[in-house]
Amino acid sequence: MKSGEPVEIDLKSTGCIGEKNNHIRYLEHVQLFVTIEYSKRGDLHLNLTSPSGTNTMLLSERAGDFSSEGFNNWPFMSVHTWGENPSGIWQIRINDRVNYL
């Protein structure tokens, strides 16, 4: 991955449609567990876009984070999509923002 060239991942969610007692119609929160190996995790910026188009920044770049440990099953959570229907395509966007610091 290079600065200014994001990695985009699309995930399809059904909201458990068809499961009588488990169908999710409205969100309270979303939680995303991320594993990323990277040379300087402080340069990474992570956004999540819901099927409704709500864009949520889950991780901003951090000038003082020089760790090369990356993220190992790291949980990110947001209530930014409260009340939205979870069904559809969710987009995860990871970007190296070293030049923005």
PDB file of N, CA and C in Angstrom:
ATOM      1  N   MET A   1       0.843  -1.168   0.000  1.00  0.00           N
ATOM      2  CA  MET A   1       0.000   0.000   0.000  1.00  0.00           C
ATOM      3  C   MET A   1       0.896   1.243   0.000  1.00  0.00           C
ATOM      4  N   LYS A   2       0.511   2.241  -0.789  1.00  0.00           N
ATOM      5  CA  LYS A   2       1.268   3.481  -0.883  1.00  0.00           C
ATOM      6  C   LYS A   2       0.393   4.637  -0.424  1.00  0.00           C
ATOM      7  N   SER A   3       1.054   5.697   0.033  1.00  0.00           N
ATOM      8  CA  SER A   3       0.329   6.890   0.440  1.00  0.00           C
ATOM      9  C   SER A   3      -0.527   7.400  -0.710  1.00  0.00           C
ATOM     10  N   GLY A   4      -1.777   7.702  -0.418  1.00  0.00           N
ATOM     11  CA  GLY A   4      -2.686   8.217  -1.434  1.00  0.00           C
ATOM     12  C   GLY A   4      -3.330   7.156  -2.298  1.00  0.00           C
ATOM     13  N   GLU A   5      -2.993   5.880  -2.097  1.00  0.00           N
ATOM     14  CA  GLU A   5      -3.602   4.787  -2.856  1.00  0.00           C
ATOM     15  C   GLU A   5      -4.299   3.841  -1.890  1.00  0.00           C
ATOM     16  N   PRO A   6      -5.553   4.131  -1.563  1.00  0.00           N
ATOM     17  CA  PRO A   6      -6.258   3.345  -0.541  1.00  0.00           C
ATOM     18  C   PRO A   6      -6.577   1.915  -0.976  1.00  0.00           C
ATOM     19  N   VAL A   7      -6.719   1.069   0.026  1.00  0.00           N
ATOM     20  CA  VAL A   7      -7.219  -0.287  -0.175  1.00  0.00           C
ATOM     21  C   VAL A   7      -8.697  -0.240   0.197  1.00  0.00           C
ATOM     22  N   GLU A   8      -9.546  -0.733  -0.698  1.00  0.00           N
ATOM     23  CA  GLU A   8     -10.985  -0.729  -0.444  1.00  0.00           C
ATOM     24  C   GLU A   8     -11.505  -2.156  -0.447  1.00  0.00           C
ATOM     25  N   ILE A   9     -12.294  -2.469   0.565  1.00  0.00           N
ATOM     26  CA  ILE A   9     -12.858  -3.808   0.722  1.00  0.00           C
ATOM     27  C   ILE A   9     -14.368  -3.664   0.865  1.00  0.00           C
ATOM     28  N   ASP A  10     -15.119  -4.391   0.046  1.00  0.00           N
ATOM     29  CA  ASP A  10     -16.577  -4.394   0.145  1.00  0.00           C
ATOM     30  C   ASP A  10     -17.048  -5.654   0.858  1.00  0.00           C
ATOM     31  N   LEU A  11     -17.953  -5.474   1.820  1.00  0.00           N
ATOM     32  CA  LEU A  11     -18.536  -6.589   2.566  1.00  0.00           C
ATOM     33  C   LEU A  11     -20.048  -6.534   2.437  1.00  0.00           C
ATOM     34  N   LYS A  12     -20.641  -7.667   2.113  1.00  0.00           N
ATOM     35  CA  LYS A  12     -22.098  -7.721   1.998  1.00  0.00           C
ATOM     36  C   LYS A  12     -22.707  -8.193   3.313  1.00  0.00           C
ATOM     37  N   SER A  13     -23.703  -7.465   3.779  1.00  0.00           N
ATOM     38  CA  SER A  13     -24.437  -7.835   4.987  1.00  0.00           C
ATOM     39  C   SER A  13     -25.897  -8.080   4.624  1.00  0.00           C
ATOM     40  N   THR A  14     -26.454  -9.153   5.168  1.00  0.00           N
ATOM     41  CA  THR A  14     -27.871  -9.433   4.938  1.00  0.00           C
ATOM     42  C   THR A  14     -28.726  -9.003   6.118  1.00  0.00           C
ATOM     43  N   GLY A  15     -28.086  -8.626   7.230  1.00  0.00           N
ATOM     44  CA  GLY A  15     -28.848  -8.274   8.428  1.00  0.00           C
ATOM     45  C   GLY A  15     -29.616  -9.459   8.978  1.00  0.00           C
ATOM     46  N   CYS A  16     -29.156 -10.664   8.647  1.00  0.00           N
ATOM     47  CA  CYS A  16     -29.792 -11.917   9.086  1.00  0.00           C
ATOM     48  C   CYS A  16     -31.212 -12.068   8.535  1.00  0.00           C
ATOM     49  N   ILE A  17     -31.465 -11.534   7.347  1.00  0.00           N
ATOM     50  CA  ILE A  17     -32.784 -11.687   6.708  1.00  0.00           C
ATOM     51  C   ILE A  17     -33.102 -13.165   6.568  1.00  0.00           C
ATOM     52  N   GLY A  18     -34.310 -13.529   6.891  1.00  0.00           N
ATOM     53  CA  GLY A  18     -34.756 -14.914   6.788  1.00  0.00           C
ATOM     54  C   GLY A  18     -34.678 -15.667   8.096  1.00  0.00           C
ATOM     55  N   GLU A  19     -33.994 -15.111   9.063  1.00  0.00           N
ATOM     56  CA  GLU A  19     -33.939 -15.727  10.385  1.00  0.00           C
ATOM     57  C   GLU A  19     -35.012 -15.078  11.245  1.00  0.00           C
ATOM     58  N   LYS A  20     -36.050 -15.820  11.516  1.00  0.00           N
ATOM     59  CA  LYS A  20     -37.264 -15.297  12.148  1.00  0.00           C
ATOM     60  C   LYS A  20     -37.007 -14.408  13.366  1.00  0.00           C
ATOM     61  N   ASN A  21     -36.220 -14.868  14.306  1.00  0.00           N
ATOM     62  CA  ASN A  21     -36.031 -14.121  15.537  1.00  0.00           C
ATOM     63  C   ASN A  21     -34.757 -13.287  15.578  1.00  0.00           C
ATOM     64  N   ASN A  22     -33.954 -13.353  14.532  1.00  0.00           N
ATOM     65  CA  ASN A  22     -32.666 -12.661  14.561  1.00  0.00           C
ATOM     66  C   ASN A  22     -32.504 -11.580  13.502  1.00  0.00           C
ATOM     67  N   HIS A  23     -33.536 -11.305  12.721  1.00  0.00           N
ATOM     68  CA  HIS A  23     -33.433 -10.310  11.659  1.00  0.00           C
ATOM     69  C   HIS A  23     -33.160  -8.929  12.270  1.00  0.00           C
ATOM     70  N   ILE A  24     -32.091  -8.299  11.835  1.00  0.00           N
ATOM     71  CA  ILE A  24     -31.712  -6.982  12.337  1.00  0.00           C
ATOM     72  C   ILE A  24     -32.206  -5.932  11.354  1.00  0.00           C
ATOM     73  N   ARG A  25     -33.085  -5.072  11.816  1.00  0.00           N
ATOM     74  CA  ARG A  25     -33.661  -4.034  10.955  1.00  0.00           C
ATOM     75  C   ARG A  25     -33.031  -2.664  11.188  1.00  0.00           C
ATOM     76  N   TYR A  26     -32.585  -2.428  12.423  1.00  0.00           N
ATOM     77  CA  TYR A  26     -32.008  -1.132  12.790  1.00  0.00           C
ATOM     78  C   TYR A  26     -30.765  -1.343  13.649  1.00  0.00           C
ATOM     79  N   LEU A  27     -29.728  -0.617  13.333  1.00  0.00           N
ATOM     80  CA  LEU A  27     -28.474  -0.750  14.068  1.00  0.00           C
ATOM     81  C   LEU A  27     -28.450   0.106  15.328  1.00  0.00           C
ATOM     82  N   GLU A  28     -27.772  -0.395  16.343  1.00  0.00           N
ATOM     83  CA  GLU A  28     -27.397   0.419  17.494  1.00  0.00           C
ATOM     84  C   GLU A  28     -25.927   0.811  17.356  1.00  0.00           C
ATOM     85  N   HIS A  29     -25.103  -0.149  16.981  1.00  0.00           N
ATOM     86  CA  HIS A  29     -23.688   0.125  16.761  1.00  0.00           C
ATOM     87  C   HIS A  29     -23.135  -0.909  15.786  1.00  0.00           C
ATOM     88  N   VAL A  30     -21.973  -0.608  15.253  1.00  0.00           N
ATOM     89  CA  VAL A  30     -21.236  -1.580  14.442  1.00  0.00           C
ATOM     90  C   VAL A  30     -19.869  -1.773  15.087  1.00  0.00           C
ATOM     91  N   GLN A  31     -19.364  -2.973  14.973  1.00  0.00           N
ATOM     92  CA  GLN A  31     -18.036  -3.274  15.484  1.00  0.00           C
ATOM     93  C   GLN A  31     -17.278  -4.014  14.394  1.00  0.00           C
ATOM     94  N   LEU A  32     -16.076  -3.571  14.131  1.00  0.00           N
ATOM     95  CA  LEU A  32     -15.230  -4.138  13.092  1.00  0.00           C
ATOM     96  C   LEU A  32     -13.922  -4.578  13.735  1.00  0.00           C
ATOM     97  N   PHE A  33     -13.577  -5.850  13.588  1.00  0.00           N
ATOM     98  CA  PHE A  33     -12.313  -6.370  14.094  1.00  0.00           C
ATOM     99  C   PHE A  33     -11.329  -6.418  12.929  1.00  0.00           C
ATOM    100  N   VAL A  34     -10.170  -5.801  13.106  1.00  0.00           N
ATOM    101  CA  VAL A  34      -9.218  -5.614  12.023  1.00  0.00           C
ATOM    102  C   VAL A  34      -7.862  -6.228  12.377  1.00  0.00           C
ATOM    103  N   THR A  35      -7.300  -6.940  11.413  1.00  0.00           N
ATOM    104  CA  THR A  35      -5.921  -7.409  11.520  1.00  0.00           C
ATOM    105  C   THR A  35      -5.160  -6.863  10.313  1.00  0.00           C
ATOM    106  N   ILE A  36      -4.162  -6.027  10.592  1.00  0.00           N
ATOM    107  CA  ILE A  36      -3.357  -5.400   9.542  1.00  0.00           C
ATOM    108  C   ILE A  36      -1.891  -5.444   9.969  1.00  0.00           C
ATOM    109  N   GLU A  37      -1.050  -5.941   9.106  1.00  0.00           N
ATOM    110  CA  GLU A  37       0.393  -5.847   9.326  1.00  0.00           C
ATOM    111  C   GLU A  37       0.866  -4.628   8.554  1.00  0.00           C
ATOM    112  N   TYR A  38       1.576  -3.726   9.274  1.00  0.00           N
ATOM    113  CA  TYR A  38       2.038  -2.511   8.599  1.00  0.00           C
ATOM    114  C   TYR A  38       3.273  -1.965   9.299  1.00  0.00           C
ATOM    115  N   SER A  39       4.126  -1.288   8.546  1.00  0.00           N
ATOM    116  CA  SER A  39       5.411  -0.815   9.068  1.00  0.00           C
ATOM    117  C   SER A  39       5.260   0.311  10.095  1.00  0.00           C
ATOM    118  N   LYS A  40       4.279   1.177   9.937  1.00  0.00           N
ATOM    119  CA  LYS A  40       4.045   2.271  10.896  1.00  0.00           C
ATOM    120  C   LYS A  40       2.538   2.495  10.999  1.00  0.00           C
ATOM    121  N   ARG A  41       1.929   1.897  12.002  1.00  0.00           N
ATOM    122  CA  ARG A  41       0.472   1.951  12.087  1.00  0.00           C
ATOM    123  C   ARG A  41      -0.072   3.361  12.296  1.00  0.00           C
ATOM    124  N   GLY A  42       0.743   4.277  12.778  1.00  0.00           N
ATOM    125  CA  GLY A  42       0.286   5.659  12.963  1.00  0.00           C
ATOM    126  C   GLY A  42      -0.035   6.374  11.667  1.00  0.00           C
ATOM    127  N   ASP A  43       0.412   5.848  10.544  1.00  0.00           N
ATOM    128  CA  ASP A  43       0.123   6.450   9.238  1.00  0.00           C
ATOM    129  C   ASP A  43      -1.229   6.008   8.676  1.00  0.00           C
ATOM    130  N   LEU A  44      -1.840   5.011   9.300  1.00  0.00           N
ATOM    131  CA  LEU A  44      -3.069   4.445   8.741  1.00  0.00           C
ATOM    132  C   LEU A  44      -4.315   5.221   9.134  1.00  0.00           C
ATOM    133  N   HIS A  45      -5.211   5.323   8.181  1.00  0.00           N
ATOM    134  CA  HIS A  45      -6.505   5.982   8.318  1.00  0.00           C
ATOM    135  C   HIS A  45      -7.550   4.964   7.872  1.00  0.00           C
ATOM    136  N   LEU A  46      -8.592   4.748   8.669  1.00  0.00           N
ATOM    137  CA  LEU A  46      -9.585   3.707   8.390  1.00  0.00           C
ATOM    138  C   LEU A  46     -10.984   4.312   8.404  1.00  0.00           C
ATOM    139  N   ASN A  47     -11.692   4.139   7.289  1.00  0.00           N
ATOM    140  CA  ASN A  47     -13.069   4.610   7.170  1.00  0.00           C
ATOM    141  C   ASN A  47     -13.996   3.445   6.861  1.00  0.00           C
ATOM    142  N   LEU A  48     -15.221   3.561   7.327  1.00  0.00           N
ATOM    143  CA  LEU A  48     -16.274   2.585   7.053  1.00  0.00           C
ATOM    144  C   LEU A  48     -17.462   3.333   6.477  1.00  0.00           C
ATOM    145  N   THR A  49     -17.979   2.854   5.345  1.00  0.00           N
ATOM    146  CA  THR A  49     -19.158   3.460   4.736  1.00  0.00           C
ATOM    147  C   THR A  49     -20.282   2.439   4.740  1.00  0.00           C
ATOM    148  N   SER A  50     -21.429   2.848   5.273  1.00  0.00           N
ATOM    149  CA  SER A  50     -22.585   1.964   5.395  1.00  0.00           C
ATOM    150  C   SER A  50     -23.324   1.857   4.064  1.00  0.00           C
ATOM    151  N   PRO A  51     -24.231   0.887   3.940  1.00  0.00           N
ATOM    152  CA  PRO A  51     -25.040   0.773   2.720  1.00  0.00           C
ATOM    153  C   PRO A  51     -25.876   2.025   2.451  1.00  0.00           C
ATOM    154  N   SER A  52     -26.201   2.774   3.510  1.00  0.00           N
ATOM    155  CA  SER A  52     -26.977   4.009   3.358  1.00  0.00           C
ATOM    156  C   SER A  52     -26.106   5.196   2.975  1.00  0.00           C
ATOM    157  N   GLY A  53     -24.771   5.002   2.970  1.00  0.00           N
ATOM    158  CA  GLY A  53     -23.857   6.062   2.567  1.00  0.00           C
ATOM    159  C   GLY A  53     -23.229   6.840   3.710  1.00  0.00           C
ATOM    160  N   THR A  54     -23.502   6.452   4.947  1.00  0.00           N
ATOM    161  CA  THR A  54     -22.890   7.135   6.086  1.00  0.00           C
ATOM    162  C   THR A  54     -21.412   6.772   6.165  1.00  0.00           C
ATOM    163  N   ASN A  55     -20.570   7.794   6.164  1.00  0.00           N
ATOM    164  CA  ASN A  55     -19.126   7.589   6.216  1.00  0.00           C
ATOM    165  C   ASN A  55     -18.652   7.824   7.648  1.00  0.00           C
ATOM    166  N   THR A  56     -17.977   6.827   8.212  1.00  0.00           N
ATOM    167  CA  THR A  56     -17.503   6.892   9.585  1.00  0.00           C
ATOM    168  C   THR A  56     -15.997   6.693   9.633  1.00  0.00           C
ATOM    169  N   MET A  57     -15.288   7.651  10.241  1.00  0.00           N
ATOM    170  CA  MET A  57     -13.851   7.481  10.442  1.00  0.00           C
ATOM    171  C   MET A  57     -13.674   6.650  11.707  1.00  0.00           C
ATOM    172  N   LEU A  58     -13.099   5.470  11.562  1.00  0.00           N
ATOM    173  CA  LEU A  58     -12.842   4.607  12.711  1.00  0.00           C
ATOM    174  C   LEU A  58     -11.443   4.816  13.274  1.00  0.00           C
ATOM    175  N   LEU A  59     -10.531   5.279  12.432  1.00  0.00           N
ATOM    176  CA  LEU A  59      -9.146   5.464  12.861  1.00  0.00           C
ATOM    177  C   LEU A  59      -8.538   6.603  12.068  1.00  0.00           C
ATOM    178  N   SER A  60      -7.978   7.584  12.782  1.00  0.00           N
ATOM    179  CA  SER A  60      -7.261   8.656  12.093  1.00  0.00           C
ATOM    180  C   SER A  60      -5.760   8.440  12.253  1.00  0.00           C
ATOM    181  N   GLU A  61      -4.994   9.111  11.411  1.00  0.00           N
ATOM    182  CA  GLU A  61      -3.546   9.002  11.491  1.00  0.00           C
ATOM    183  C   GLU A  61      -3.066   9.633  12.805  1.00  0.00           C
ATOM    184  N   ARG A  62      -1.977   9.072  13.344  1.00  0.00           N
ATOM    185  CA  ARG A  62      -1.447   9.511  14.632  1.00  0.00           C
ATOM    186  C   ARG A  62       0.060   9.702  14.504  1.00  0.00           C
ATOM    187  N   ALA A  63       0.507  10.957  14.542  1.00  0.00           N
ATOM    188  CA  ALA A  63       1.914  11.295  14.312  1.00  0.00           C
ATOM    189  C   ALA A  63       2.858  10.624  15.308  1.00  0.00           C
ATOM    190  N   GLY A  64       2.426  10.360  16.531  1.00  0.00           N
ATOM    191  CA  GLY A  64       3.306   9.788  17.535  1.00  0.00           C
ATOM    192  C   GLY A  64       3.292   8.278  17.631  1.00  0.00           C
ATOM    193  N   ASP A  65       2.527   7.615  16.769  1.00  0.00           N
ATOM    194  CA  ASP A  65       2.427   6.152  16.814  1.00  0.00           C
ATOM    195  C   ASP A  65       3.372   5.553  15.778  1.00  0.00           C
ATOM    196  N   PHE A  66       4.558   5.155  16.227  1.00  0.00           N
ATOM    197  CA  PHE A  66       5.581   4.601  15.332  1.00  0.00           C
ATOM    198  C   PHE A  66       5.615   3.079  15.357  1.00  0.00           C
ATOM    199  N   SER A  67       4.645   2.457  15.995  1.00  0.00           N
ATOM    200  CA  SER A  67       4.653   1.007  16.173  1.00  0.00           C
ATOM    201  C   SER A  67       4.609   0.270  14.841  1.00  0.00           C
ATOM    202  N   SER A  68       5.414  -0.791  14.759  1.00  0.00           N
ATOM    203  CA  SER A  68       5.370  -1.677  13.591  1.00  0.00           C
ATOM    204  C   SER A  68       4.565  -2.938  13.915  1.00  0.00           C
ATOM    205  N   GLU A  69       3.887  -2.939  15.052  1.00  0.00           N
ATOM    206  CA  GLU A  69       3.084  -4.088  15.488  1.00  0.00           C
ATOM    207  C   GLU A  69       1.813  -4.248  14.660  1.00  0.00           C
ATOM    208  N   GLY A  70       1.361  -3.183  14.014  1.00  0.00           N
ATOM    209  CA  GLY A  70       0.113  -3.252  13.251  1.00  0.00           C
ATOM    210  C   GLY A  70      -1.073  -3.427  14.182  1.00  0.00           C
ATOM    211  N   PHE A  71      -2.091  -4.092  13.690  1.00  0.00           N
ATOM    212  CA  PHE A  71      -3.298  -4.358  14.464  1.00  0.00           C
ATOM    213  C   PHE A  71      -3.584  -5.853  14.400  1.00  0.00           C
ATOM    214  N   ASN A  72      -3.805  -6.477  15.543  1.00  0.00           N
ATOM    215  CA  ASN A  72      -4.094  -7.902  15.591  1.00  0.00           C
ATOM    216  C   ASN A  72      -5.466  -8.114  16.220  1.00  0.00           C
ATOM    217  N   ASN A  73      -6.454  -8.374  15.360  1.00  0.00           N
ATOM    218  CA  ASN A  73      -7.840  -8.566  15.805  1.00  0.00           C
ATOM    219  C   ASN A  73      -8.306  -7.383  16.659  1.00  0.00           C
ATOM    220  N   TRP A  74      -7.971  -6.194  16.215  1.00  0.00           N
ATOM    221  CA  TRP A  74      -8.214  -4.956  16.937  1.00  0.00           C
ATOM    222  C   TRP A  74      -9.671  -4.522  16.734  1.00  0.00           C
ATOM    223  N   PRO A  75     -10.419  -4.283  17.805  1.00  0.00           N
ATOM    224  CA  PRO A  75     -11.827  -3.888  17.651  1.00  0.00           C
ATOM    225  C   PRO A  75     -11.994  -2.373  17.483  1.00  0.00           C
ATOM    226  N   PHE A  76     -12.762  -1.995  16.494  1.00  0.00           N
ATOM    227  CA  PHE A  76     -13.184  -0.609  16.303  1.00  0.00           C
ATOM    228  C   PHE A  76     -14.703  -0.604  16.380  1.00  0.00           C
ATOM    229  N   MET A  77     -15.271   0.409  17.031  1.00  0.00           N
ATOM    230  CA  MET A  77     -16.722   0.460  17.191  1.00  0.00           C
ATOM    231  C   MET A  77     -17.220   1.879  16.956  1.00  0.00           C
ATOM    232  N   SER A  78     -18.469   1.970  16.457  1.00  0.00           N
ATOM    233  CA  SER A  78     -19.082   3.268  16.230  1.00  0.00           C
ATOM    234  C   SER A  78     -20.601   3.164  16.386  1.00  0.00           C
ATOM    235  N   VAL A  79     -21.199   4.248  16.839  1.00  0.00           N
ATOM    236  CA  VAL A  79     -22.662   4.367  16.872  1.00  0.00           C
ATOM    237  C   VAL A  79     -23.134   5.369  15.812  1.00  0.00           C
ATOM    238  N   HIS A  80     -22.229   5.735  14.924  1.00  0.00           N
ATOM    239  CA  HIS A  80     -22.519   6.733  13.892  1.00  0.00           C
ATOM    240  C   HIS A  80     -23.638   6.299  12.938  1.00  0.00           C
ATOM    241  N   THR A  81     -23.870   5.005  12.801  1.00  0.00           N
ATOM    242  CA  THR A  81     -24.909   4.509  11.882  1.00  0.00           C
ATOM    243  C   THR A  81     -26.176   4.094  12.640  1.00  0.00           C
ATOM    244  N   TRP A  82     -26.354   4.636  13.842  1.00  0.00           N
ATOM    245  CA  TRP A  82     -27.521   4.333  14.690  1.00  0.00           C
ATOM    246  C   TRP A  82     -28.816   4.460  13.876  1.00  0.00           C
ATOM    247  N   GLY A  83     -29.656   3.429  13.951  1.00  0.00           N
ATOM    248  CA  GLY A  83     -30.968   3.445  13.308  1.00  0.00           C
ATOM    249  C   GLY A  83     -30.981   3.038  11.854  1.00  0.00           C
ATOM    250  N   GLU A  84     -29.814   2.820  11.256  1.00  0.00           N
ATOM    251  CA  GLU A  84     -29.765   2.427   9.845  1.00  0.00           C
ATOM    252  C   GLU A  84     -30.028   0.930   9.694  1.00  0.00           C
ATOM    253  N   ASN A  85     -30.512   0.558   8.521  1.00  0.00           N
ATOM    254  CA  ASN A  85     -30.672  -0.847   8.162  1.00  0.00           C
ATOM    255  C   ASN A  85     -29.293  -1.376   7.765  1.00  0.00           C
ATOM    256  N   PRO A  86     -28.853  -2.501   8.337  1.00  0.00           N
ATOM    257  CA  PRO A  86     -27.506  -2.999   8.044  1.00  0.00           C
ATOM    258  C   PRO A  86     -27.371  -3.724   6.713  1.00  0.00           C
ATOM    259  N   SER A  87     -28.485  -4.046   6.062  1.00  0.00           N
ATOM    260  CA  SER A  87     -28.437  -4.844   4.830  1.00  0.00           C
ATOM    261  C   SER A  87     -27.848  -4.050   3.676  1.00  0.00           C
ATOM    262  N   GLY A  88     -26.937  -4.696   2.958  1.00  0.00           N
ATOM    263  CA  GLY A  88     -26.328  -4.080   1.786  1.00  0.00           C
ATOM    264  C   GLY A  88     -24.822  -4.195   1.815  1.00  0.00           C
ATOM    265  N   ILE A  89     -24.176  -3.367   1.018  1.00  0.00           N
ATOM    266  CA  ILE A  89     -22.717  -3.396   0.893  1.00  0.00           C
ATOM    267  C   ILE A  89     -22.093  -2.343   1.809  1.00  0.00           C
ATOM    268  N   TRP A  90     -21.194  -2.811   2.674  1.00  0.00           N
ATOM    269  CA  TRP A  90     -20.393  -1.952   3.530  1.00  0.00           C
ATOM    270  C   TRP A  90     -19.018  -1.837   2.895  1.00  0.00           C
ATOM    271  N   GLN A  91     -18.435  -0.654   2.923  1.00  0.00           N
ATOM    272  CA  GLN A  91     -17.094  -0.485   2.346  1.00  0.00           C
ATOM    273  C   GLN A  91     -16.105  -0.076   3.443  1.00  0.00           C
ATOM    274  N   ILE A  92     -15.002  -0.802   3.502  1.00  0.00           N
ATOM    275  CA  ILE A  92     -13.891  -0.467   4.385  1.00  0.00           C
ATOM    276  C   ILE A  92     -12.818   0.148   3.503  1.00  0.00           C
ATOM    277  N   ARG A  93     -12.300   1.288   3.940  1.00  0.00           N
ATOM    278  CA  ARG A  93     -11.258   1.977   3.166  1.00  0.00           C
ATOM    279  C   ARG A  93     -10.073   2.226   4.089  1.00  0.00           C
ATOM    280  N   ILE A  94      -8.913   1.677   3.716  1.00  0.00           N
ATOM    281  CA  ILE A  94      -7.683   1.827   4.487  1.00  0.00           C
ATOM    282  C   ILE A  94      -6.713   2.647   3.644  1.00  0.00           C
ATOM    283  N   ASN A  95      -6.160   3.685   4.249  1.00  0.00           N
ATOM    284  CA  ASN A  95      -5.283   4.566   3.510  1.00  0.00           C
ATOM    285  C   ASN A  95      -4.053   4.898   4.343  1.00  0.00           C
ATOM    286  N   ASP A  96      -2.893   4.926   3.725  1.00  0.00           N
ATOM    287  CA  ASP A  96      -1.671   5.402   4.354  1.00  0.00           C
ATOM    288  C   ASP A  96      -1.651   6.910   4.161  1.00  0.00           C
ATOM    289  N   ARG A  97      -1.772   7.635   5.263  1.00  0.00           N
ATOM    290  CA  ARG A  97      -1.857   9.083   5.180  1.00  0.00           C
ATOM    291  C   ARG A  97      -0.585   9.770   5.676  1.00  0.00           C
ATOM    292  N   VAL A  98       0.580   9.150   5.468  1.00  0.00           N
ATOM    293  CA  VAL A  98       1.848   9.686   5.958  1.00  0.00           C
ATOM    294  C   VAL A  98       2.069  11.130   5.480  1.00  0.00           C
ATOM    295  N   ASN A  99       1.684  11.447   4.272  1.00  0.00           N
ATOM    296  CA  ASN A  99       1.909  12.795   3.730  1.00  0.00           C
ATOM    297  C   ASN A  99       0.942  13.834   4.277  1.00  0.00           C
ATOM    298  N   TYR A 100      -0.051  13.400   5.061  1.00  0.00           N
ATOM    299  CA  TYR A 100      -1.045  14.332   5.603  1.00  0.00           C
ATOM    300  C   TYR A 100      -0.672  14.805   6.992  1.00  0.00           C
ATOM    301  N   LEU A 101       0.365  14.212   7.593  1.00  0.00           N
ATOM    302  CA  LEU A 101       0.758  14.583   8.961  1.00  0.00           C
ATOM    303  C   LEU A 101       1.619  15.820   8.963  1.00  0.00           C
TER     304      LEU A 101
END
